[in-house]
């Protein structure tokens, strides 16, 4: 009877020891996955860039659809305006210059 209790006790202690050890190995794996401030900033930047790219693509697609629906005279005026676009100056400044040159 004492032998059975000793065997059961050793078995339970072994289970507790092994389960504790498994948890620490899992914790070590999860510690590698945790975000630090630098990885958080990198992920935030990646998310922001992906979002901006998606919004630009949607706006570009909408612009191409609307451009196809314009009458020919409006298309000509718009192409003249976009040919004068100065990419280095930025859209607002060159757009205003294009408007003033067509008026």
N, C-alpha and C. Protein backbone atom coordinates (compact mmCIF):
# COMPACT_ATOMS: atom_id res chain seq x y z
N UNK A 1 0.81 -1.18 0.00
CA UNK A 1 0.00 0.00 0.00
C UNK A 1 0.87 1.26 0.00
N UNK A 2 1.94 1.27 0.81
CA UNK A 2 2.84 2.40 0.84
C UNK A 2 3.55 2.56 -0.50
N UNK A 3 3.83 1.43 -1.13
CA UNK A 3 4.50 1.47 -2.44
C UNK A 3 3.61 2.15 -3.48
N UNK A 4 2.31 1.86 -3.43
CA UNK A 4 1.37 2.47 -4.38
C UNK A 4 1.29 3.98 -4.17
N UNK A 5 1.32 4.40 -2.92
CA UNK A 5 1.26 5.84 -2.61
C UNK A 5 2.53 6.53 -3.08
N UNK A 6 3.67 5.89 -2.88
CA UNK A 6 4.95 6.47 -3.31
C UNK A 6 5.00 6.56 -4.83
N UNK A 7 4.56 5.52 -5.52
CA UNK A 7 4.54 5.53 -6.99
C UNK A 7 3.60 6.63 -7.49
N UNK A 8 2.41 6.76 -6.88
CA UNK A 8 1.46 7.79 -7.29
C UNK A 8 2.02 9.18 -7.04
N UNK A 9 2.72 9.35 -5.90
CA UNK A 9 3.33 10.64 -5.59
C UNK A 9 4.43 10.99 -6.58
N UNK A 10 5.27 10.04 -6.90
CA UNK A 10 6.33 10.27 -7.90
C UNK A 10 5.72 10.59 -9.26
N UNK A 11 4.66 9.88 -9.61
CA UNK A 11 3.98 10.13 -10.88
C UNK A 11 3.40 11.55 -10.92
N UNK A 12 2.74 11.98 -9.85
CA UNK A 12 2.17 13.32 -9.80
C UNK A 12 3.25 14.40 -9.83
N UNK A 13 4.33 14.18 -9.11
CA UNK A 13 5.43 15.14 -9.13
C UNK A 13 6.07 15.25 -10.52
N UNK A 14 6.17 14.11 -11.18
CA UNK A 14 6.71 14.11 -12.54
C UNK A 14 5.80 14.91 -13.47
N UNK A 15 4.50 14.71 -13.35
CA UNK A 15 3.55 15.44 -14.19
C UNK A 15 3.63 16.94 -13.93
N UNK A 16 3.69 17.33 -12.67
CA UNK A 16 3.78 18.75 -12.32
C UNK A 16 5.08 19.34 -12.84
N UNK A 17 6.18 18.62 -12.71
CA UNK A 17 7.48 19.11 -13.18
C UNK A 17 7.48 19.28 -14.70
N UNK A 18 6.97 18.28 -15.40
CA UNK A 18 6.97 18.32 -16.86
C UNK A 18 6.04 19.42 -17.37
N UNK A 19 4.85 19.53 -16.77
CA UNK A 19 3.92 20.57 -17.23
C UNK A 19 4.49 21.97 -16.96
N UNK A 20 5.17 22.15 -15.86
CA UNK A 20 5.82 23.42 -15.58
C UNK A 20 6.92 23.71 -16.56
N UNK A 21 7.64 22.71 -16.94
CA UNK A 21 8.72 22.89 -17.90
C UNK A 21 8.17 23.19 -19.29
N UNK A 22 7.09 22.54 -19.67
CA UNK A 22 6.47 22.80 -20.98
C UNK A 22 5.97 24.23 -21.05
N UNK A 23 5.39 24.70 -19.97
CA UNK A 23 4.89 26.07 -19.96
C UNK A 23 6.03 27.07 -20.12
N UNK A 24 7.15 26.84 -19.51
CA UNK A 24 8.25 27.77 -19.66
C UNK A 24 8.79 27.75 -21.09
N UNK A 25 8.81 26.60 -21.73
CA UNK A 25 9.24 26.55 -23.13
C UNK A 25 8.26 27.30 -24.02
N UNK A 26 6.97 27.17 -23.73
CA UNK A 26 5.98 27.92 -24.50
C UNK A 26 6.13 29.43 -24.25
N UNK A 27 6.38 29.78 -22.99
CA UNK A 27 6.55 31.19 -22.67
C UNK A 27 7.76 31.77 -23.39
N UNK A 28 8.82 31.00 -23.50
CA UNK A 28 10.00 31.47 -24.21
C UNK A 28 9.68 31.71 -25.68
N UNK A 29 8.88 30.84 -26.26
CA UNK A 29 8.48 31.03 -27.66
C UNK A 29 7.63 32.29 -27.81
N UNK A 30 6.72 32.51 -26.87
CA UNK A 30 5.87 33.69 -26.94
C UNK A 30 6.64 34.96 -26.63
N UNK A 31 7.68 34.86 -25.81
CA UNK A 31 8.50 36.04 -25.55
C UNK A 31 9.16 36.54 -26.82
N UNK A 32 9.50 35.63 -27.72
CA UNK A 32 10.09 36.03 -28.99
C UNK A 32 9.08 36.74 -29.88
N UNK A 33 7.79 36.44 -29.70
CA UNK A 33 6.74 37.03 -30.52
C UNK A 33 6.22 38.35 -29.98
N UNK A 34 6.54 38.68 -28.77
CA UNK A 34 6.03 39.92 -28.18
C UNK A 34 6.59 41.13 -28.88
N UNK A 35 5.76 42.16 -28.95
CA UNK A 35 6.18 43.39 -29.61
C UNK A 35 6.93 44.30 -28.65
N UNK A 36 8.04 44.79 -29.12
CA UNK A 36 8.76 45.82 -28.39
C UNK A 36 8.36 47.16 -29.01
N UNK A 37 8.89 48.22 -28.48
CA UNK A 37 8.54 49.54 -29.03
C UNK A 37 9.05 49.68 -30.46
N UNK A 38 10.21 49.13 -30.75
CA UNK A 38 10.74 49.25 -32.11
C UNK A 38 9.93 48.39 -33.10
N UNK A 39 9.55 47.18 -32.70
CA UNK A 39 8.74 46.37 -33.61
C UNK A 39 7.34 46.94 -33.74
N UNK A 40 6.82 47.56 -32.69
CA UNK A 40 5.52 48.21 -32.79
C UNK A 40 5.56 49.36 -33.78
N UNK A 41 6.63 50.16 -33.72
CA UNK A 41 6.76 51.27 -34.67
C UNK A 41 6.89 50.78 -36.10
N UNK A 42 7.62 49.68 -36.27
CA UNK A 42 7.77 49.11 -37.62
C UNK A 42 6.43 48.61 -38.15
N UNK A 43 5.67 47.93 -37.30
CA UNK A 43 4.36 47.43 -37.73
C UNK A 43 3.39 48.57 -37.99
N UNK A 44 3.46 49.61 -37.18
CA UNK A 44 2.59 50.77 -37.37
C UNK A 44 2.92 51.44 -38.71
N UNK A 45 4.20 51.58 -39.01
CA UNK A 45 4.62 52.19 -40.26
C UNK A 45 4.20 51.33 -41.45
N UNK A 46 4.36 50.02 -41.33
CA UNK A 46 3.94 49.12 -42.39
C UNK A 46 2.44 49.21 -42.63
N UNK A 47 1.67 49.23 -41.55
CA UNK A 47 0.22 49.33 -41.67
C UNK A 47 -0.18 50.65 -42.32
N UNK A 48 0.47 51.75 -41.90
CA UNK A 48 0.14 53.07 -42.45
C UNK A 48 0.46 53.12 -43.94
N UNK A 49 1.62 52.61 -44.33
CA UNK A 49 1.99 52.63 -45.74
C UNK A 49 1.06 51.77 -46.58
N UNK A 50 0.67 50.61 -46.06
CA UNK A 50 -0.25 49.74 -46.77
C UNK A 50 -1.61 50.42 -46.93
N UNK A 51 -2.06 51.07 -45.88
CA UNK A 51 -3.34 51.78 -45.92
C UNK A 51 -3.30 52.90 -46.95
N UNK A 52 -2.24 53.73 -46.93
CA UNK A 52 -2.14 54.84 -47.87
C UNK A 52 -2.08 54.33 -49.31
N UNK A 53 -1.35 53.24 -49.53
CA UNK A 53 -1.27 52.68 -50.87
C UNK A 53 -2.62 52.19 -51.34
N UNK A 54 -3.38 51.57 -50.46
CA UNK A 54 -4.71 51.09 -50.83
C UNK A 54 -5.65 52.25 -51.15
N UNK A 55 -5.58 53.31 -50.34
CA UNK A 55 -6.44 54.47 -50.60
C UNK A 55 -6.06 55.14 -51.91
N UNK A 56 -4.76 55.26 -52.18
CA UNK A 56 -4.32 55.84 -53.46
C UNK A 56 -4.81 55.01 -54.63
N UNK A 57 -4.75 53.70 -54.50
CA UNK A 57 -5.21 52.82 -55.58
C UNK A 57 -6.71 52.98 -55.83
N UNK A 58 -7.47 53.10 -54.75
CA UNK A 58 -8.92 53.28 -54.90
C UNK A 58 -9.23 54.62 -55.57
N UNK A 59 -8.56 55.66 -55.12
CA UNK A 59 -8.79 56.99 -55.71
C UNK A 59 -8.36 57.00 -57.18
N UNK A 60 -7.23 56.35 -57.49
CA UNK A 60 -6.78 56.26 -58.88
C UNK A 60 -7.78 55.52 -59.77
N UNK A 61 -8.32 54.44 -59.25
CA UNK A 61 -9.31 53.67 -60.03
C UNK A 61 -10.57 54.49 -60.23
N UNK A 62 -11.02 55.19 -59.19
CA UNK A 62 -12.20 56.04 -59.35
C UNK A 62 -11.94 57.15 -60.36
N UNK A 63 -10.74 57.72 -60.32
CA UNK A 63 -10.39 58.77 -61.28
C UNK A 63 -10.38 58.26 -62.71
N UNK A 64 -9.87 57.05 -62.91
CA UNK A 64 -9.84 56.52 -64.28
C UNK A 64 -11.25 56.22 -64.78
N UNK A 65 -12.12 55.76 -63.89
CA UNK A 65 -13.52 55.49 -64.28
C UNK A 65 -14.22 56.80 -64.63
N UNK A 66 -14.02 57.82 -63.79
CA UNK A 66 -14.66 59.12 -64.06
C UNK A 66 -14.09 59.76 -65.32
N UNK A 67 -12.80 59.60 -65.55
CA UNK A 67 -12.18 60.17 -66.75
C UNK A 67 -12.76 59.55 -68.01
N UNK A 68 -13.04 58.26 -67.98
CA UNK A 68 -13.62 57.59 -69.16
C UNK A 68 -15.03 58.09 -69.44
N UNK A 69 -15.73 58.56 -68.43
CA UNK A 69 -17.11 59.03 -68.60
C UNK A 69 -17.19 60.50 -69.02
N UNK A 70 -16.08 61.23 -69.00
CA UNK A 70 -16.10 62.64 -69.37
C UNK A 70 -16.29 62.84 -70.87
N UNK A 71 -16.88 63.97 -71.26
CA UNK A 71 -16.95 64.29 -72.69
C UNK A 71 -15.54 64.62 -73.22
N UNK A 72 -15.39 64.60 -74.55
CA UNK A 72 -14.06 64.79 -75.15
C UNK A 72 -13.45 66.14 -74.81
N UNK A 73 -14.26 67.19 -74.78
CA UNK A 73 -13.70 68.52 -74.49
C UNK A 73 -13.13 68.58 -73.07
N UNK A 74 -13.83 67.98 -72.14
CA UNK A 74 -13.34 67.95 -70.76
C UNK A 74 -12.07 67.11 -70.65
N UNK A 75 -12.01 66.02 -71.41
CA UNK A 75 -10.81 65.18 -71.39
C UNK A 75 -9.61 65.96 -71.91
N UNK A 76 -9.82 66.75 -72.98
CA UNK A 76 -8.72 67.55 -73.53
C UNK A 76 -8.23 68.57 -72.51
N UNK A 77 -9.17 69.24 -71.85
CA UNK A 77 -8.78 70.23 -70.84
C UNK A 77 -8.03 69.57 -69.69
N UNK A 78 -8.48 68.41 -69.27
CA UNK A 78 -7.81 67.72 -68.17
C UNK A 78 -6.42 67.23 -68.57
N UNK A 79 -6.27 66.73 -69.79
CA UNK A 79 -4.94 66.28 -70.20
C UNK A 79 -3.98 67.45 -70.30
N UNK A 80 -4.47 68.62 -70.75
CA UNK A 80 -3.60 69.80 -70.77
C UNK A 80 -3.19 70.18 -69.35
N UNK A 81 -4.14 70.09 -68.44
CA UNK A 81 -3.86 70.42 -67.05
C UNK A 81 -2.84 69.47 -66.44
N UNK A 82 -2.98 68.18 -66.70
CA UNK A 82 -2.06 67.21 -66.12
C UNK A 82 -0.70 67.19 -66.79
N UNK A 83 -0.63 67.68 -68.03
CA UNK A 83 0.69 67.79 -68.67
C UNK A 83 1.51 68.89 -68.02
N UNK A 84 0.84 69.91 -67.49
CA UNK A 84 1.55 71.00 -66.83
C UNK A 84 1.86 70.69 -65.38
N UNK A 85 1.48 69.54 -64.90
CA UNK A 85 1.68 69.17 -63.50
C UNK A 85 3.15 69.05 -63.18
N UNK A 86 3.58 69.74 -62.15
CA UNK A 86 4.96 69.68 -61.70
C UNK A 86 5.03 68.74 -60.50
N UNK A 87 5.58 67.54 -60.70
CA UNK A 87 5.59 66.53 -59.65
C UNK A 87 6.47 66.92 -58.47
N UNK A 88 7.49 67.71 -58.71
CA UNK A 88 8.37 68.11 -57.61
C UNK A 88 7.73 69.16 -56.72
N UNK A 89 6.91 70.02 -57.29
CA UNK A 89 6.29 71.09 -56.51
C UNK A 89 5.13 70.59 -55.67
N UNK A 90 4.53 69.50 -56.09
CA UNK A 90 3.37 69.01 -55.36
C UNK A 90 2.11 69.29 -56.14
N UNK A 91 1.07 68.60 -55.80
CA UNK A 91 -0.16 68.68 -56.59
C UNK A 91 -0.85 70.02 -56.45
N UNK A 92 -0.96 70.54 -55.25
CA UNK A 92 -1.75 71.75 -55.03
C UNK A 92 -1.18 72.94 -55.79
N UNK A 93 0.13 73.13 -55.70
CA UNK A 93 0.74 74.28 -56.36
C UNK A 93 0.63 74.17 -57.87
N UNK A 94 0.95 73.01 -58.42
CA UNK A 94 0.92 72.86 -59.88
C UNK A 94 -0.52 72.87 -60.40
N UNK A 95 -1.44 72.38 -59.59
CA UNK A 95 -2.85 72.40 -60.00
C UNK A 95 -3.34 73.83 -60.09
N UNK A 96 -2.95 74.65 -59.11
CA UNK A 96 -3.34 76.06 -59.13
C UNK A 96 -2.71 76.78 -60.32
N UNK A 97 -1.46 76.45 -60.65
CA UNK A 97 -0.81 77.04 -61.82
C UNK A 97 -1.54 76.64 -63.09
N UNK A 98 -1.95 75.37 -63.18
CA UNK A 98 -2.68 74.89 -64.35
C UNK A 98 -4.03 75.57 -64.49
N UNK A 99 -4.69 75.80 -63.39
CA UNK A 99 -5.99 76.48 -63.41
C UNK A 99 -5.80 77.93 -63.90
N UNK A 100 -4.80 78.62 -63.37
CA UNK A 100 -4.60 80.01 -63.75
C UNK A 100 -4.17 80.13 -65.22
N UNK A 101 -3.46 79.13 -65.74
CA UNK A 101 -3.04 79.21 -67.14
C UNK A 101 -4.19 78.91 -68.10
N UNK A 102 -5.21 78.17 -67.65
CA UNK A 102 -6.34 77.86 -68.54
C UNK A 102 -7.41 78.94 -68.49
N UNK A 103 -7.34 79.83 -67.48
CA UNK A 103 -8.37 80.87 -67.36
C UNK A 103 -8.04 82.07 -68.21
